[in-house]
Amino acid sequence: MSLDIHLDALIPQQIAEKVEAAGVRKAALPLLSLFVLAILAGAFIGLGAMFATTTAAAASALPYGVARLLVGLTFCLGLILVVVAGAELFTGNNLIVMAWASRKISTWALLRNWLVVYLGNFIGSLGTAVLVFLSRQYTAGAGSVGEAALSTAAAKVDLGFVQALALGVLCNGLVCLAIWLTFSARSVTDKILAILFPITAFVAAGFEHSIANMYFIPYALLIRTFDPAFVLAKGIDLSGLTWGAFFLKNLLPVTIGNILGGAGLVAAIYWFIYLRGKKS
């Protein structure tokens, strides 16, 4: 009796068909399961962001590019957990557009998935930020971790609307390409390797990820609100860091950009190339 084992990666045509089928499955998930999986994804991305913030602490001693490379590599933890452990991430789910464009799911099913997952991601990311704050991990390294967290958040809310949108487009183009590559994988190792370079690239380049920012900015806001003495000691200008700035100056344009980058630059283009006109 022979054992037929396929070890070669899937080709792009097969990836497109697999992504389309996955979109149909994701759109049909029961509401409660979808919501809990979304909370998990937010928590996972928050853990990656926590790891990246810790790595960024006192990183000014390193050349800029090297520091950003290390921050990007550690942030990869978040998407690795999402893909391998299993969770529903809004930015990755922009690829569901492929199933929608093939008319295999309705517009309502697409929007239902995005809305539920976005809300669940927010709860998971915010919950992780609260837990990490309560652990006082930001005081580690003589407070350098908290300083990195505050500086990161302050820079994010200081972006212009168009700049934040463009950074969001670029970010989710790379995130969805990372997810796209994982669909070609035959093993867990393949999936992890597929994630590393696109995700490291977007973080190192300073692109903007809406779900990660649901951790980065609230975490800094918690430090500012509940430990003002720490903020004062660090001497960082946080005058622009408010909940209003978080939602309107960062989260809104970055989310729009993420949708344009993931659904437009990746999902729509690959659908046009491989699935357009294909019979169901």
C-alpha atoms as a PDB file:
ATOM      1  CA  MET A   1       0.000   0.000   0.000  1.00  0.00           C
ATOM      2  CA  SER A   2       1.477   3.333  -1.045  1.00  0.00           C
ATOM      3  CA  LEU A   3       1.195   6.517   0.957  1.00  0.00           C
ATOM      4  CA  ASP A   4       0.675   9.635  -1.171  1.00  0.00           C
ATOM      5  CA  ILE A   5       2.170  12.630   0.638  1.00  0.00           C
ATOM      6  CA  HIS A   6       2.210  16.089  -0.931  1.00  0.00           C
ATOM      7  CA  LEU A   7       5.085  18.215   0.332  1.00  0.00           C
ATOM      8  CA  ASP A   8       5.185  20.862  -2.387  1.00  0.00           C
ATOM      9  CA  ALA A   9       3.597  24.250  -1.730  1.00  0.00           C
ATOM     10  CA  LEU A  10       0.322  25.156  -3.402  1.00  0.00           C
ATOM     11  CA  ILE A  11       0.566  27.298  -6.529  1.00  0.00           C
ATOM     12  CA  PRO A  12      -1.184  30.712  -6.659  1.00  0.00           C
ATOM     13  CA  GLN A  13      -4.249  29.379  -8.521  1.00  0.00           C
ATOM     14  CA  GLN A  14      -4.763  26.794  -5.774  1.00  0.00           C
ATOM     15  CA  ILE A  15      -4.187  29.423  -3.096  1.00  0.00           C
ATOM     16  CA  ALA A  16      -6.918  31.593  -4.617  1.00  0.00           C
ATOM     17  CA  GLU A  17      -9.392  28.708  -4.572  1.00  0.00           C
ATOM     18  CA  LYS A  18      -8.446  27.847  -1.001  1.00  0.00           C
ATOM     19  CA  VAL A  19      -8.809  31.462   0.179  1.00  0.00           C
ATOM     20  CA  GLU A  20     -12.205  31.670  -1.531  1.00  0.00           C
ATOM     21  CA  ALA A  21     -13.389  28.483   0.198  1.00  0.00           C
ATOM     22  CA  ALA A  22     -12.073  29.743   3.536  1.00  0.00           C
ATOM     23  CA  GLY A  23     -14.049  32.956   3.047  1.00  0.00           C
ATOM     24  CA  VAL A  24     -17.247  30.950   2.619  1.00  0.00           C
ATOM     25  CA  ARG A  25     -16.524  29.032   5.831  1.00  0.00           C
ATOM     26  CA  LYS A  26     -15.672  32.141   7.805  1.00  0.00           C
ATOM     27  CA  ALA A  27     -18.837  33.926   6.681  1.00  0.00           C
ATOM     28  CA  ALA A  28     -20.918  30.955   7.858  1.00  0.00           C
ATOM     29  CA  LEU A  29     -19.419  30.685  11.360  1.00  0.00           C
ATOM     30  CA  PRO A  30     -21.959  30.822  14.218  1.00  0.00           C
ATOM     31  CA  LEU A  31     -22.108  34.297  15.746  1.00  0.00           C
ATOM     32  CA  LEU A  32     -20.868  33.349  19.221  1.00  0.00           C
ATOM     33  CA  SER A  33     -17.975  31.246  17.924  1.00  0.00           C
ATOM     34  CA  LEU A  34     -16.994  34.034  15.540  1.00  0.00           C
ATOM     35  CA  PHE A  35     -17.063  36.612  18.334  1.00  0.00           C
ATOM     36  CA  VAL A  36     -14.961  34.557  20.758  1.00  0.00           C
ATOM     37  CA  LEU A  37     -12.425  33.735  18.035  1.00  0.00           C
ATOM     38  CA  ALA A  38     -12.227  37.468  17.296  1.00  0.00           C
ATOM     39  CA  ILE A  39     -11.564  38.252  20.961  1.00  0.00           C
ATOM     40  CA  LEU A  40      -8.752  35.696  20.874  1.00  0.00           C
ATOM     41  CA  ALA A  41      -7.243  37.323  17.783  1.00  0.00           C
ATOM     42  CA  GLY A  42      -7.279  40.742  19.461  1.00  0.00           C
ATOM     43  CA  ALA A  43      -5.557  39.255  22.491  1.00  0.00           C
ATOM     44  CA  PHE A  44      -2.980  37.493  20.315  1.00  0.00           C
ATOM     45  CA  ILE A  45      -2.139  40.684  18.418  1.00  0.00           C
ATOM     46  CA  GLY A  46      -1.931  42.479  21.767  1.00  0.00           C
ATOM     47  CA  LEU A  47       0.612  39.933  22.978  1.00  0.00           C
ATOM     48  CA  GLY A  48       2.663  40.473  19.846  1.00  0.00           C
ATOM     49  CA  ALA A  49       2.474  44.227  20.417  1.00  0.00           C
ATOM     50  CA  MET A  50       3.562  43.777  24.039  1.00  0.00           C
ATOM     51  CA  PHE A  51       6.550  41.707  22.879  1.00  0.00           C
ATOM     52  CA  ALA A  52       7.437  44.355  20.288  1.00  0.00           C
ATOM     53  CA  THR A  53       7.156  47.186  22.840  1.00  0.00           C
ATOM     54  CA  THR A  54       9.467  45.357  25.219  1.00  0.00           C
ATOM     55  CA  THR A  55      11.967  44.852  22.396  1.00  0.00           C
ATOM     56  CA  ALA A  56      11.772  48.549  21.510  1.00  0.00           C
ATOM     57  CA  ALA A  57      12.711  49.577  25.056  1.00  0.00           C
ATOM     58  CA  ALA A  58      16.034  51.466  25.038  1.00  0.00           C
ATOM     59  CA  ALA A  59      16.553  50.343  21.432  1.00  0.00           C
ATOM     60  CA  SER A  60      18.035  53.747  20.568  1.00  0.00           C
ATOM     61  CA  ALA A  61      21.418  52.254  21.449  1.00  0.00           C
ATOM     62  CA  LEU A  62      21.164  50.187  18.249  1.00  0.00           C
ATOM     63  CA  PRO A  63      21.261  51.401  14.623  1.00  0.00           C
ATOM     64  CA  TYR A  64      17.714  52.408  13.590  1.00  0.00           C
ATOM     65  CA  GLY A  65      17.270  49.659  11.004  1.00  0.00           C
ATOM     66  CA  VAL A  66      18.504  46.919  13.328  1.00  0.00           C
ATOM     67  CA  ALA A  67      16.188  48.063  16.116  1.00  0.00           C
ATOM     68  CA  ARG A  68      13.191  48.143  13.773  1.00  0.00           C
ATOM     69  CA  LEU A  69      14.069  44.693  12.440  1.00  0.00           C
ATOM     70  CA  LEU A  70      14.044  43.234  15.958  1.00  0.00           C
ATOM     71  CA  VAL A  71      10.770  44.968  16.804  1.00  0.00           C
ATOM     72  CA  GLY A  72       9.199  43.595  13.634  1.00  0.00           C
ATOM     73  CA  LEU A  73      10.395  40.051  14.257  1.00  0.00           C
ATOM     74  CA  THR A  74       8.965  39.982  17.779  1.00  0.00           C
ATOM     75  CA  PHE A  75       5.621  41.442  16.661  1.00  0.00           C
ATOM     76  CA  CYS A  76       5.217  38.424  14.367  1.00  0.00           C
ATOM     77  CA  LEU A  77       4.183  36.451  17.450  1.00  0.00           C
ATOM     78  CA  GLY A  78       0.693  37.941  17.128  1.00  0.00           C
ATOM     79  CA  LEU A  79      -0.105  36.711  13.615  1.00  0.00           C
ATOM     80  CA  ILE A  80       1.620  33.378  14.224  1.00  0.00           C
ATOM     81  CA  LEU A  81      -0.774  32.777  17.121  1.00  0.00           C
ATOM     82  CA  VAL A  82      -3.752  33.850  15.009  1.00  0.00           C
ATOM     83  CA  VAL A  83      -2.895  31.549  12.100  1.00  0.00           C
ATOM     84  CA  VAL A  84      -1.553  28.498  13.920  1.00  0.00           C
ATOM     85  CA  ALA A  85      -3.630  28.523  17.111  1.00  0.00           C
ATOM     86  CA  GLY A  86      -6.763  29.661  15.276  1.00  0.00           C
ATOM     87  CA  ALA A  87      -8.562  33.015  15.600  1.00  0.00           C
ATOM     88  CA  GLU A  88     -10.468  35.567  13.528  1.00  0.00           C
ATOM     89  CA  LEU A  89      -8.563  38.750  12.663  1.00  0.00           C
ATOM     90  CA  PHE A  90     -10.300  41.668  10.935  1.00  0.00           C
ATOM     91  CA  THR A  91      -7.355  42.656   8.765  1.00  0.00           C
ATOM     92  CA  GLY A  92      -6.779  39.115   7.511  1.00  0.00           C
ATOM     93  CA  ASN A  93     -10.504  38.645   6.975  1.00  0.00           C
ATOM     94  CA  ASN A  94     -10.412  41.350   4.321  1.00  0.00           C
ATOM     95  CA  LEU A  95      -9.540  38.413   2.051  1.00  0.00           C
ATOM     96  CA  ILE A  96     -13.164  37.233   2.375  1.00  0.00           C
ATOM     97  CA  VAL A  97     -13.806  39.734  -0.425  1.00  0.00           C
ATOM     98  CA  MET A  98     -12.682  36.974  -2.796  1.00  0.00           C
ATOM     99  CA  ALA A  99     -15.665  34.792  -1.849  1.00  0.00           C
ATOM    100  CA  TRP A 100     -17.953  37.840  -2.044  1.00  0.00           C
ATOM    101  CA  ALA A 101     -16.665  38.810  -5.507  1.00  0.00           C
ATOM    102  CA  SER A 102     -17.394  35.244  -6.687  1.00  0.00           C
ATOM    103  CA  ARG A 103     -20.948  35.667  -5.327  1.00  0.00           C
ATOM    104  CA  LYS A 104     -20.509  32.749  -2.949  1.00  0.00           C
ATOM    105  CA  ILE A 105     -21.442  34.889   0.059  1.00  0.00           C
ATOM    106  CA  SER A 106     -23.764  37.883   0.345  1.00  0.00           C
ATOM    107  CA  THR A 107     -22.804  41.461   1.122  1.00  0.00           C
ATOM    108  CA  TRP A 108     -24.555  41.110   4.485  1.00  0.00           C
ATOM    109  CA  ALA A 109     -22.519  37.980   5.320  1.00  0.00           C
ATOM    110  CA  LEU A 110     -19.309  39.852   4.506  1.00  0.00           C
ATOM    111  CA  LEU A 111     -20.246  42.905   6.587  1.00  0.00           C
ATOM    112  CA  ARG A 112     -21.522  40.723   9.445  1.00  0.00           C
ATOM    113  CA  ASN A 113     -18.156  38.991   9.648  1.00  0.00           C
ATOM    114  CA  TRP A 114     -16.197  42.226   9.524  1.00  0.00           C
ATOM    115  CA  LEU A 115     -18.339  44.005  12.135  1.00  0.00           C
ATOM    116  CA  VAL A 116     -18.374  41.125  14.627  1.00  0.00           C
ATOM    117  CA  VAL A 117     -14.680  40.418  14.197  1.00  0.00           C
ATOM    118  CA  TYR A 118     -13.703  44.095  14.459  1.00  0.00           C
ATOM    119  CA  LEU A 119     -15.619  44.464  17.711  1.00  0.00           C
ATOM    120  CA  GLY A 120     -14.221  41.218  19.106  1.00  0.00           C
ATOM    121  CA  ASN A 121     -10.690  42.245  18.132  1.00  0.00           C
ATOM    122  CA  PHE A 122     -11.171  45.539  19.965  1.00  0.00           C
ATOM    123  CA  ILE A 123     -12.306  43.789  23.136  1.00  0.00           C
ATOM    124  CA  GLY A 124      -9.427  41.309  22.997  1.00  0.00           C
ATOM    125  CA  SER A 125      -6.793  43.970  22.337  1.00  0.00           C
ATOM    126  CA  LEU A 126      -8.152  46.314  25.009  1.00  0.00           C
ATOM    127  CA  GLY A 127      -8.445  43.482  27.543  1.00  0.00           C
ATOM    128  CA  THR A 128      -4.825  42.543  26.931  1.00  0.00           C
ATOM    129  CA  ALA A 129      -3.772  46.177  27.351  1.00  0.00           C
ATOM    130  CA  VAL A 130      -5.575  46.319  30.710  1.00  0.00           C
ATOM    131  CA  LEU A 131      -3.955  43.090  31.941  1.00  0.00           C
ATOM    132  CA  VAL A 132      -0.464  44.158  30.860  1.00  0.00           C
ATOM    133  CA  PHE A 133      -0.990  47.549  32.524  1.00  0.00           C
ATOM    134  CA  LEU A 134      -2.123  45.932  35.770  1.00  0.00           C
ATOM    135  CA  SER A 135       1.000  43.760  35.713  1.00  0.00           C
ATOM    136  CA  ARG A 136       3.076  46.988  35.739  1.00  0.00           C
ATOM    137  CA  GLN A 137       5.279  45.459  33.071  1.00  0.00           C
ATOM    138  CA  TYR A 138       5.760  48.998  31.731  1.00  0.00           C
ATOM    139  CA  THR A 139       8.073  49.734  34.688  1.00  0.00           C
ATOM    140  CA  ALA A 140      10.544  47.053  33.551  1.00  0.00           C
ATOM    141  CA  GLY A 141      13.990  48.107  32.381  1.00  0.00           C
ATOM    142  CA  ALA A 142      13.957  51.118  34.688  1.00  0.00           C
ATOM    143  CA  GLY A 143      10.772  52.252  32.981  1.00  0.00           C
ATOM    144  CA  SER A 144      12.174  52.010  29.462  1.00  0.00           C
ATOM    145  CA  VAL A 145       9.323  49.695  28.404  1.00  0.00           C
ATOM    146  CA  GLY A 146       6.730  52.254  29.451  1.00  0.00           C
ATOM    147  CA  GLU A 147       8.698  55.017  27.792  1.00  0.00           C
ATOM    148  CA  ALA A 148       8.680  53.061  24.528  1.00  0.00           C
ATOM    149  CA  ALA A 149       4.919  52.473  24.874  1.00  0.00           C
ATOM    150  CA  LEU A 150       4.206  56.172  25.466  1.00  0.00           C
ATOM    151  CA  SER A 151       6.441  57.348  22.617  1.00  0.00           C
ATOM    152  CA  THR A 152       4.877  54.839  20.211  1.00  0.00           C
ATOM    153  CA  ALA A 153       1.321  55.900  21.012  1.00  0.00           C
ATOM    154  CA  ALA A 154       2.123  59.622  20.903  1.00  0.00           C
ATOM    155  CA  ALA A 155       3.625  59.239  17.439  1.00  0.00           C
ATOM    156  CA  LYS A 156       0.594  57.291  16.196  1.00  0.00           C
ATOM    157  CA  VAL A 157      -1.977  59.924  17.180  1.00  0.00           C
ATOM    158  CA  ASP A 158       0.217  62.662  15.702  1.00  0.00           C
ATOM    159  CA  LEU A 159      -0.159  61.326  12.155  1.00  0.00           C
ATOM    160  CA  GLY A 160      -2.131  63.285   9.558  1.00  0.00           C
ATOM    161  CA  PHE A 161      -5.323  61.675   8.233  1.00  0.00           C
ATOM    162  CA  VAL A 162      -3.966  60.990   4.738  1.00  0.00           C
ATOM    163  CA  GLN A 163      -0.647  59.753   6.093  1.00  0.00           C
ATOM    164  CA  ALA A 164      -2.367  57.370   8.532  1.00  0.00           C
ATOM    165  CA  LEU A 165      -4.626  56.102   5.729  1.00  0.00           C
ATOM    166  CA  ALA A 166      -1.663  55.478   3.398  1.00  0.00           C
ATOM    167  CA  LEU A 167       0.266  53.704   6.162  1.00  0.00           C
ATOM    168  CA  GLY A 168      -2.824  51.553   6.761  1.00  0.00           C
ATOM    169  CA  VAL A 169      -3.042  50.618   3.066  1.00  0.00           C
ATOM    170  CA  LEU A 170       0.603  49.544   2.980  1.00  0.00           C
ATOM    171  CA  CYS A 171       0.308  47.653   6.236  1.00  0.00           C
ATOM    172  CA  ASN A 172      -2.622  45.467   5.329  1.00  0.00           C
ATOM    173  CA  GLY A 173      -1.296  44.832   1.870  1.00  0.00           C
ATOM    174  CA  LEU A 174       1.601  43.068   3.595  1.00  0.00           C
ATOM    175  CA  VAL A 175      -0.572  41.423   6.266  1.00  0.00           C
ATOM    176  CA  CYS A 176      -2.915  39.925   3.669  1.00  0.00           C
ATOM    177  CA  LEU A 177       0.048  38.811   1.577  1.00  0.00           C
ATOM    178  CA  ALA A 178       1.363  37.033   4.672  1.00  0.00           C
ATOM    179  CA  ILE A 179      -2.007  35.307   5.136  1.00  0.00           C
ATOM    180  CA  TRP A 180      -2.095  34.537   1.404  1.00  0.00           C
ATOM    181  CA  LEU A 181       1.303  32.845   1.652  1.00  0.00           C
ATOM    182  CA  THR A 182       0.210  30.719   4.630  1.00  0.00           C
ATOM    183  CA  PHE A 183      -2.482  29.177   2.431  1.00  0.00           C
ATOM    184  CA  SER A 184       0.280  27.700   0.279  1.00  0.00           C
ATOM    185  CA  ALA A 185       1.848  25.990   3.305  1.00  0.00           C
ATOM    186  CA  ARG A 186       1.886  22.267   4.007  1.00  0.00           C
ATOM    187  CA  SER A 187       3.169  22.472   7.602  1.00  0.00           C
ATOM    188  CA  VAL A 188       3.224  24.698  10.677  1.00  0.00           C
ATOM    189  CA  THR A 189       6.847  25.554   9.928  1.00  0.00           C
ATOM    190  CA  ASP A 190       5.863  26.693   6.436  1.00  0.00           C
ATOM    191  CA  LYS A 191       3.159  28.934   7.883  1.00  0.00           C
ATOM    192  CA  ILE A 192       5.493  30.571  10.388  1.00  0.00           C
ATOM    193  CA  LEU A 193       8.165  31.232   7.773  1.00  0.00           C
ATOM    194  CA  ALA A 194       5.541  32.679   5.426  1.00  0.00           C
ATOM    195  CA  ILE A 195       4.476  35.144   8.124  1.00  0.00           C
ATOM    196  CA  LEU A 196       7.903  36.351   9.238  1.00  0.00           C
ATOM    197  CA  PHE A 197       9.090  38.532   6.360  1.00  0.00           C
ATOM    198  CA  PRO A 198       5.886  40.405   5.362  1.00  0.00           C
ATOM    199  CA  ILE A 199       4.976  41.176   8.985  1.00  0.00           C
ATOM    200  CA  THR A 200       8.518  42.145   9.964  1.00  0.00           C
ATOM    201  CA  ALA A 201       8.585  44.424   6.912  1.00  0.00           C
ATOM    202  CA  PHE A 202       5.409  46.331   7.805  1.00  0.00           C
ATOM    203  CA  VAL A 203       6.450  46.858  11.420  1.00  0.00           C
ATOM    204  CA  ALA A 204      10.018  47.827  10.545  1.00  0.00           C
ATOM    205  CA  ALA A 205       8.738  50.337   7.980  1.00  0.00           C
ATOM    206  CA  GLY A 206       6.349  51.902  10.499  1.00  0.00           C
ATOM    207  CA  PHE A 207       3.093  51.016   8.737  1.00  0.00           C
ATOM    208  CA  GLU A 208      -0.188  51.139  10.682  1.00  0.00           C
ATOM    209  CA  HIS A 209      -2.286  48.137  11.777  1.00  0.00           C
ATOM    210  CA  SER A 210      -5.708  48.986  13.207  1.00  0.00           C
ATOM    211  CA  ILE A 211      -5.950  45.980  15.539  1.00  0.00           C
ATOM    212  CA  ALA A 212      -2.418  46.407  16.885  1.00  0.00           C
ATOM    213  CA  ASN A 213      -3.245  50.055  17.554  1.00  0.00           C
ATOM    214  CA  MET A 214      -6.198  48.894  19.667  1.00  0.00           C
ATOM    215  CA  TYR A 215      -3.476  47.700  22.059  1.00  0.00           C
ATOM    216  CA  PHE A 216      -0.668  50.228  21.565  1.00  0.00           C
ATOM    217  CA  ILE A 217      -2.688  53.414  22.107  1.00  0.00           C
ATOM    218  CA  PRO A 218      -5.096  52.326  24.906  1.00  0.00           C
ATOM    219  CA  TYR A 219      -2.121  50.832  26.761  1.00  0.00           C
ATOM    220  CA  ALA A 220      -0.369  54.208  26.714  1.00  0.00           C
ATOM    221  CA  LEU A 221      -3.609  55.961  27.676  1.00  0.00           C
ATOM    222  CA  LEU A 222      -3.937  53.676  30.698  1.00  0.00           C
ATOM    223  CA  ILE A 223      -0.410  54.545  31.807  1.00  0.00           C
ATOM    224  CA  ARG A 224      -1.091  58.244  31.321  1.00  0.00           C
ATOM    225  CA  THR A 225      -4.391  58.146  33.202  1.00  0.00           C
ATOM    226  CA  PHE A 226      -3.535  55.910  36.136  1.00  0.00           C
ATOM    227  CA  ASP A 227       0.198  56.549  36.641  1.00  0.00           C
ATOM    228  CA  PRO A 228       0.750  60.241  35.909  1.00  0.00           C
ATOM    229  CA  ALA A 229       3.872  60.269  38.099  1.00  0.00           C
ATOM    230  CA  PHE A 230       5.520  57.781  35.734  1.00  0.00           C
ATOM    231  CA  VAL A 231       4.620  59.932  32.722  1.00  0.00           C
ATOM    232  CA  LEU A 232       5.928  63.075  34.432  1.00  0.00           C
ATOM    233  CA  ALA A 233       9.208  61.370  35.235  1.00  0.00           C
ATOM    234  CA  LYS A 234       9.695  60.435  31.575  1.00  0.00           C
ATOM    235  CA  GLY A 235       9.030  63.968  30.344  1.00  0.00           C
ATOM    236  CA  ILE A 236       7.226  62.897  27.159  1.00  0.00           C
ATOM    237  CA  ASP A 237       4.758  65.346  25.591  1.00  0.00           C
ATOM    238  CA  LEU A 238       1.421  63.535  25.621  1.00  0.00           C
ATOM    239  CA  SER A 239      -0.808  66.549  25.042  1.00  0.00           C
ATOM    240  CA  GLY A 240      -2.184  64.979  21.849  1.00  0.00           C
ATOM    241  CA  LEU A 241      -2.747  61.544  23.345  1.00  0.00           C
ATOM    242  CA  THR A 242      -6.480  61.325  24.071  1.00  0.00           C
ATOM    243  CA  TRP A 243      -9.247  58.789  23.443  1.00  0.00           C
ATOM    244  CA  GLY A 244     -10.729  61.149  20.864  1.00  0.00           C
ATOM    245  CA  ALA A 245      -7.417  61.361  19.006  1.00  0.00           C
ATOM    246  CA  PHE A 246      -7.131  57.571  19.151  1.00  0.00           C
ATOM    247  CA  PHE A 247     -10.502  57.015  17.487  1.00  0.00           C
ATOM    248  CA  LEU A 248     -10.587  59.918  15.017  1.00  0.00           C
ATOM    249  CA  LYS A 249      -6.942  60.617  14.146  1.00  0.00           C
ATOM    250  CA  ASN A 250      -5.655  57.046  14.103  1.00  0.00           C
ATOM    251  CA  LEU A 251      -8.181  54.222  14.258  1.00  0.00           C
ATOM    252  CA  LEU A 252     -10.589  55.679  11.669  1.00  0.00           C
ATOM    253  CA  PRO A 253      -8.094  56.429   8.865  1.00  0.00           C
ATOM    254  CA  VAL A 254      -5.986  53.349   9.590  1.00  0.00           C
ATOM    255  CA  THR A 255      -9.034  51.058   9.456  1.00  0.00           C
ATOM    256  CA  ILE A 256     -10.116  52.556   6.133  1.00  0.00           C
ATOM    257  CA  GLY A 257      -6.578  52.146   4.850  1.00  0.00           C
ATOM    258  CA  ASN A 258      -6.404  48.544   6.052  1.00  0.00           C
ATOM    259  CA  ILE A 259      -9.596  47.707   4.140  1.00  0.00           C
ATOM    260  CA  LEU A 260      -8.308  49.369   0.982  1.00  0.00           C
ATOM    261  CA  GLY A 261      -4.973  47.591   1.251  1.00  0.00           C
ATOM    262  CA  GLY A 262      -6.286  44.135   2.111  1.00  0.00           C
ATOM    263  CA  ALA A 263      -9.544  43.984   0.178  1.00  0.00           C
ATOM    264  CA  GLY A 264      -8.438  46.184  -2.710  1.00  0.00           C
ATOM    265  CA  LEU A 265      -4.741  45.571  -3.314  1.00  0.00           C
ATOM    266  CA  VAL A 266      -4.661  41.872  -2.455  1.00  0.00           C
ATOM    267  CA  ALA A 267      -8.082  40.183  -2.463  1.00  0.00           C
ATOM    268  CA  ALA A 268      -9.598  42.019  -5.444  1.00  0.00           C
ATOM    269  CA  ILE A 269      -6.474  41.767  -7.588  1.00  0.00           C
ATOM    270  CA  TYR A 270      -5.934  38.060  -6.991  1.00  0.00           C
ATOM    271  CA  TRP A 271      -9.649  37.408  -7.545  1.00  0.00           C
ATOM    272  CA  PHE A 272      -9.404  39.254 -10.868  1.00  0.00           C
ATOM    273  CA  ILE A 273      -6.369  37.218 -11.930  1.00  0.00           C
ATOM    274  CA  TYR A 274      -7.399  33.713 -10.842  1.00  0.00           C
ATOM    275  CA  LEU A 275     -11.145  33.559 -10.136  1.00  0.00           C
ATOM    276  CA  ARG A 276     -12.799  36.087 -12.446  1.00  0.00           C
ATOM    277  CA  GLY A 277     -15.228  34.316 -14.760  1.00  0.00           C
ATOM    278  CA  LYS A 278     -14.631  30.956 -13.082  1.00  0.00           C
ATOM    279  CA  LYS A 279     -17.814  28.885 -12.857  1.00  0.00           C
ATOM    280  CA  SER A 280     -18.979  27.824  -9.398  1.00  0.00           C
END
